[in-house]
Amino acid sequence: MKLAFTTLGCPDWTLDQMIEGAKQYGFDGIDFRGCAGEMDLWKRPEFSSGLGATAEKIRSAGLEVPCMSSSGRLLRDSEEERTASLENLTRFVHIGAVLGAPFVRVFGGYNGTRSEDEARREAAGMLDSMARIASSHGLSVLVETHDDWIASDKLASVLDAATEPNIGAIWDINHPYRMCGESAEQTWANLGRWIRYTHLKDSAIDEDGESVHALIGDGDVPIGECIRVMKDGGYDGWLAYEWEKKWAPEIPDPEIAFPRYAERVRAILAEIG
């Protein structure tokens, strides 16, 4: 398995800092969500007029781009919002195609006033639309265990209802465990056939009973067990670190969090064998 980090963990770093950090801390790839304070990548010259040079810079550093982290959602509450989701997905697909990314991430969104059946049908229809856009550029669309689709059986039901072949799931190991009480075995049993990519993170419960960010090894998310279950299930893909520094600026800087992640996860991989 290979290690990546999402740029949510280093929101103010430049592209050069991201590349140097990945090399220094022992990562194999970078999953782009934003760059140098800008979440809309296409507004940065490195991902517009200079995109070809960026691709070459990443390749020359011996790194890969395993996934593009779009903000597209399957369920939106207006035609304007649905159009915006498709546009966001399309922009990330175009960038990812040049960077050699095989996957683009989307969220499931929120049911709102929809029934479960209505939400599933609408989400599956939007997923197929997104998948057709991605397919024309050689990418697959992966839905994260997020929003109203954290429970692994629920997310699996949407993927089963969609019809395009280039779809799958991202298992964010924190969410089903922390918010649904799922074991690693339960999540894999429900969703394993769809999992193409993973987000690893740790968290803990504070004195007020709230979930808080934790450096790898400082929380109680069963990271080692999740990796073992993946390996036993035949998964040999990426383990991406989603350190949410962008949304929680008070948590430790990437210079602390990133090397801790790489060291701890590589130790787990060595132990599992």
Protein backbone atom coordinates (compact mmCIF):
# COMPACT_ATOMS: atom_id res chain seq x y z
CA MET A 1 0.00 0.00 0.00
CA LYS A 2 1.14 3.55 -0.75
CA LEU A 3 0.86 6.69 1.37
CA ALA A 4 -0.52 10.06 0.32
CA PHE A 5 -1.76 13.17 2.06
CA THR A 6 -4.57 15.45 1.04
CA THR A 7 -3.66 19.10 0.81
CA LEU A 8 -6.42 19.89 3.30
CA GLY A 9 -3.65 19.22 5.84
CA CYS A 10 -1.30 21.89 4.44
CA PRO A 11 -3.71 24.54 3.13
CA ASP A 12 -1.15 27.34 2.94
CA TRP A 13 1.70 25.40 1.39
CA THR A 14 2.80 26.18 -2.14
CA LEU A 15 3.05 23.43 -4.72
CA ASP A 16 6.82 23.27 -4.21
CA GLN A 17 6.37 22.92 -0.44
CA MET A 18 3.89 20.08 -0.99
CA ILE A 19 6.27 18.22 -3.26
CA GLU A 20 9.24 18.72 -0.94
CA GLY A 21 7.17 17.76 2.10
CA ALA A 22 5.96 14.58 0.45
CA LYS A 23 9.51 13.56 -0.41
CA GLN A 24 10.95 14.54 2.97
CA TYR A 25 8.31 12.77 5.04
CA GLY A 26 8.17 9.57 3.02
CA PHE A 27 4.91 9.87 1.08
CA ASP A 28 4.27 8.44 -2.35
CA GLY A 29 1.60 10.84 -3.56
CA ILE A 30 -0.39 14.05 -3.11
CA ASP A 31 -4.19 14.28 -3.22
CA PHE A 32 -5.13 17.83 -4.21
CA ARG A 33 -7.98 19.68 -2.50
CA GLY A 34 -6.47 23.16 -2.62
CA CYS A 35 -3.14 24.95 -2.93
CA ALA A 36 -1.57 28.05 -1.38
CA GLY A 37 -4.78 29.15 0.32
CA GLU A 38 -7.01 28.68 -2.74
CA MET A 39 -9.56 25.86 -2.70
CA ASP A 40 -10.55 26.36 -6.35
CA LEU A 41 -7.43 24.86 -7.89
CA TRP A 42 -8.18 26.15 -11.38
CA LYS A 43 -7.72 29.70 -10.11
CA ARG A 44 -4.05 28.97 -9.44
CA PRO A 45 -1.62 29.19 -12.38
CA GLU A 46 -0.04 25.88 -11.32
CA PHE A 47 -3.33 24.16 -12.18
CA SER A 48 -4.38 26.22 -15.18
CA SER A 49 -1.85 27.73 -17.57
CA GLY A 50 1.02 25.88 -15.86
CA LEU A 51 -0.74 22.54 -15.42
CA GLY A 52 1.53 20.64 -17.78
CA ALA A 53 4.62 21.90 -15.97
CA THR A 54 3.03 20.91 -12.64
CA ALA A 55 2.43 17.37 -13.91
CA GLU A 56 6.06 17.09 -14.98
CA LYS A 57 7.29 18.50 -11.66
CA ILE A 58 5.31 15.90 -9.72
CA ARG A 59 6.49 13.05 -11.94
CA SER A 60 10.10 14.19 -11.76
CA ALA A 61 9.89 14.10 -7.97
CA GLY A 62 8.86 10.44 -8.14
CA LEU A 63 5.39 11.20 -6.82
CA GLU A 64 1.87 10.34 -7.99
CA VAL A 65 -1.54 11.99 -7.77
CA PRO A 66 -3.83 9.17 -6.58
CA CYS A 67 -7.05 11.18 -6.36
CA MET A 68 -8.50 14.64 -6.86
CA SER A 69 -10.67 15.84 -3.97
CA SER A 70 -13.55 17.72 -5.54
CA SER A 71 -16.39 19.29 -3.57
CA GLY A 72 -19.12 17.90 -5.82
CA ARG A 73 -22.19 16.38 -4.15
CA LEU A 74 -24.70 13.86 -5.43
CA LEU A 75 -27.67 15.46 -3.67
CA ARG A 76 -28.30 19.18 -3.95
CA ASP A 77 -31.51 21.10 -3.35
CA SER A 78 -31.71 23.30 -6.44
CA GLU A 79 -30.89 23.11 -10.12
CA GLU A 80 -28.31 25.86 -9.61
CA GLU A 81 -26.57 23.82 -6.91
CA ARG A 82 -26.66 20.67 -9.03
CA THR A 83 -25.08 22.54 -11.91
CA ALA A 84 -22.39 23.89 -9.59
CA SER A 85 -21.59 20.37 -8.36
CA LEU A 86 -21.20 19.10 -11.90
CA GLU A 87 -19.01 22.07 -12.81
CA ASN A 88 -16.81 21.50 -9.75
CA LEU A 89 -16.48 17.82 -10.59
CA THR A 90 -15.68 18.60 -14.22
CA ARG A 91 -12.93 21.07 -13.33
CA PHE A 92 -11.26 18.56 -11.00
CA VAL A 93 -11.56 15.83 -13.65
CA HIS A 94 -9.86 18.02 -16.24
CA ILE A 95 -6.98 18.76 -13.87
CA GLY A 96 -6.75 15.17 -12.70
CA ALA A 97 -6.54 13.85 -16.25
CA VAL A 98 -3.39 15.88 -16.90
CA LEU A 99 -1.88 14.95 -13.53
CA GLY A 100 -2.54 11.26 -14.11
CA ALA A 101 -5.04 10.81 -11.29
CA PRO A 102 -7.26 7.71 -11.62
CA PHE A 103 -9.94 8.93 -9.21
CA VAL A 104 -11.97 11.99 -8.29
CA ARG A 105 -13.75 12.23 -4.93
CA VAL A 106 -17.34 13.44 -4.42
CA PHE A 107 -19.66 13.62 -1.42
CA GLY A 108 -23.11 12.08 -1.19
CA GLY A 109 -24.87 15.17 0.15
CA TYR A 110 -27.89 15.37 2.45
CA ASN A 111 -31.34 13.82 2.07
CA GLY A 112 -33.25 16.87 3.26
CA THR A 113 -36.97 16.22 2.77
CA ARG A 114 -36.41 13.24 0.46
CA SER A 115 -37.40 9.76 1.53
CA GLU A 116 -34.62 7.14 1.68
CA ASP A 117 -35.73 5.66 -1.64
CA GLU A 118 -35.96 9.06 -3.32
CA ALA A 119 -32.53 10.04 -2.02
CA ARG A 120 -30.99 6.79 -3.23
CA ARG A 121 -32.48 7.08 -6.72
CA GLU A 122 -31.51 10.73 -7.12
CA ALA A 123 -28.00 10.16 -5.76
CA ALA A 124 -27.47 7.18 -8.09
CA GLY A 125 -28.66 9.20 -11.07
CA MET A 126 -26.26 12.06 -10.30
CA LEU A 127 -23.43 9.60 -9.70
CA ASP A 128 -23.99 8.12 -13.15
CA SER A 129 -23.95 11.62 -14.69
CA MET A 130 -20.68 12.42 -12.93
CA ALA A 131 -19.22 9.05 -13.90
CA ARG A 132 -19.93 9.71 -17.58
CA ILE A 133 -18.08 13.03 -17.36
CA ALA A 134 -15.13 11.38 -15.63
CA SER A 135 -15.07 8.41 -17.99
CA SER A 136 -14.44 10.64 -20.99
CA HIS A 137 -11.14 11.61 -19.33
CA GLY A 138 -10.22 8.17 -17.98
CA LEU A 139 -11.15 8.75 -14.33
CA SER A 140 -13.51 7.02 -11.91
CA VAL A 141 -15.80 8.78 -9.41
CA LEU A 142 -15.53 7.72 -5.77
CA VAL A 143 -18.13 8.61 -3.12
CA GLU A 144 -16.78 9.18 0.38
CA THR A 145 -18.36 7.84 3.58
CA HIS A 146 -19.55 11.35 4.46
CA ASP A 147 -22.67 13.52 4.82
CA ASP A 148 -25.83 11.37 5.05
CA TRP A 149 -23.95 8.41 3.51
CA ILE A 150 -21.57 7.52 6.34
CA ALA A 151 -23.20 4.18 7.15
CA SER A 152 -21.50 1.66 4.89
CA ASP A 153 -24.66 -0.24 3.95
CA LYS A 154 -26.36 2.97 2.90
CA LEU A 155 -23.48 4.07 0.68
CA ALA A 156 -23.32 0.59 -0.82
CA SER A 157 -27.01 0.84 -1.74
CA VAL A 158 -26.32 3.94 -3.87
CA LEU A 159 -23.38 2.31 -5.62
CA ASP A 160 -25.50 -0.77 -6.28
CA ALA A 161 -28.25 1.43 -7.75
CA ALA A 162 -25.91 3.30 -10.13
CA THR A 163 -25.15 1.75 -13.51
CA GLU A 164 -21.88 3.23 -14.77
CA PRO A 165 -18.79 1.01 -14.32
CA ASN A 166 -16.31 3.70 -13.25
CA ILE A 167 -17.62 4.27 -9.73
CA GLY A 168 -16.53 3.24 -6.24
CA ALA A 169 -16.19 4.29 -2.62
CA ILE A 170 -13.71 6.06 -0.41
CA TRP A 171 -13.60 4.59 3.08
CA ASP A 172 -12.88 7.41 5.50
CA ILE A 173 -12.16 5.13 8.44
CA ASN A 174 -13.03 7.73 11.08
CA HIS A 175 -16.61 8.34 9.98
CA PRO A 176 -18.34 4.92 10.09
CA TYR A 177 -16.44 4.06 13.30
CA ARG A 178 -17.00 7.31 15.13
CA MET A 179 -20.47 8.28 13.92
CA CYS A 180 -22.11 4.90 13.29
CA GLY A 181 -20.25 2.64 15.68
CA GLU A 182 -19.19 0.29 12.88
CA SER A 183 -16.33 -2.13 13.29
CA ALA A 184 -13.74 -2.41 10.53
CA GLU A 185 -15.10 -5.86 9.67
CA GLN A 186 -18.65 -4.54 9.37
CA THR A 187 -17.66 -1.66 7.10
CA TRP A 188 -15.61 -3.96 4.87
CA ALA A 189 -18.38 -6.57 4.69
CA ASN A 190 -20.87 -3.93 3.53
CA LEU A 191 -18.65 -1.81 1.31
CA GLY A 192 -15.42 -3.67 0.59
CA ARG A 193 -16.38 -4.63 -2.97
CA TRP A 194 -16.63 -0.92 -3.77
CA ILE A 195 -13.63 0.50 -1.88
CA ARG A 196 -11.00 1.91 -4.23
CA TYR A 197 -9.33 4.48 -1.96
CA THR A 198 -9.11 5.27 1.76
CA HIS A 199 -8.79 8.26 4.07
CA LEU A 200 -7.00 7.55 7.33
CA LYS A 201 -7.29 9.81 10.35
CA ASP A 202 -7.50 9.53 14.11
CA SER A 203 -9.84 11.14 16.61
CA ALA A 204 -10.74 11.05 20.30
CA ILE A 205 -13.67 11.94 22.54
CA ASP A 206 -13.03 14.95 24.76
CA GLU A 207 -14.33 15.62 28.27
CA ASP A 208 -17.51 17.11 26.81
CA GLY A 209 -18.21 14.00 24.79
CA GLU A 210 -17.29 15.63 21.49
CA SER A 211 -15.14 14.09 18.77
CA VAL A 212 -11.86 15.98 18.32
CA HIS A 213 -8.95 15.67 15.91
CA ALA A 214 -6.01 13.61 17.12
CA LEU A 215 -2.58 12.89 15.73
CA ILE A 216 -2.17 9.33 14.50
CA GLY A 217 -1.85 7.10 17.55
CA ASP A 218 -3.22 9.65 20.01
CA GLY A 219 -6.88 8.79 19.41
CA ASP A 220 -8.87 5.58 19.56
CA VAL A 221 -9.75 4.93 15.91
CA PRO A 222 -8.64 1.32 15.22
CA ILE A 223 -6.28 2.23 12.40
CA GLY A 224 -4.23 -0.95 12.56
CA GLU A 225 -7.34 -3.11 12.53
CA CYS A 226 -8.75 -1.23 9.55
CA ILE A 227 -5.55 -1.71 7.57
CA ARG A 228 -5.45 -5.41 8.48
CA VAL A 229 -9.06 -5.88 7.35
CA MET A 230 -8.27 -4.11 4.08
CA LYS A 231 -5.23 -6.27 3.46
CA ASP A 232 -7.11 -9.46 4.27
CA GLY A 233 -9.82 -8.32 1.87
CA GLY A 234 -7.34 -7.89 -0.98
CA TYR A 235 -7.01 -4.09 -0.88
CA ASP A 236 -3.60 -2.89 -2.02
CA GLY A 237 -4.38 0.74 -2.77
CA TRP A 238 -3.65 4.11 -1.23
CA LEU A 239 -3.81 5.13 2.42
CA ALA A 240 -4.38 8.89 2.27
CA TYR A 241 -3.99 11.10 5.33
CA GLU A 242 -6.79 13.64 5.63
CA TRP A 243 -5.55 15.99 8.35
CA GLU A 244 -8.20 18.72 8.45
CA LYS A 245 -5.96 21.70 9.13
CA LYS A 246 -7.96 23.85 6.71
CA TRP A 247 -11.10 23.54 8.82
CA ALA A 248 -9.36 23.38 12.21
CA PRO A 249 -6.38 25.76 12.13
CA GLU A 250 -5.68 25.18 15.82
CA ILE A 251 -4.56 21.57 15.33
CA PRO A 252 -0.83 20.76 14.88
CA ASP A 253 0.91 21.92 11.73
CA PRO A 254 1.66 19.54 8.86
CA GLU A 255 5.34 19.57 9.80
CA ILE A 256 4.27 17.66 12.92
CA ALA A 257 1.28 15.68 11.66
CA PHE A 258 2.64 14.42 8.34
CA PRO A 259 5.86 12.72 9.53
CA ARG A 260 3.96 11.20 12.49
CA TYR A 261 1.45 9.68 10.06
CA ALA A 262 4.06 8.27 7.70
CA GLU A 263 6.10 6.78 10.54
CA ARG A 264 3.14 5.20 12.37
CA VAL A 265 1.37 3.83 9.30
CA ARG A 266 4.54 2.36 7.79
CA ALA A 267 5.18 0.67 11.16
CA ILE A 268 1.68 -0.83 11.05
CA LEU A 269 2.22 -2.06 7.50
CA ALA A 270 5.53 -3.64 8.50
CA GLU A 271 3.90 -5.35 11.46
CA ILE A 272 1.04 -6.72 9.41
CA GLY A 273 3.47 -7.93 6.77
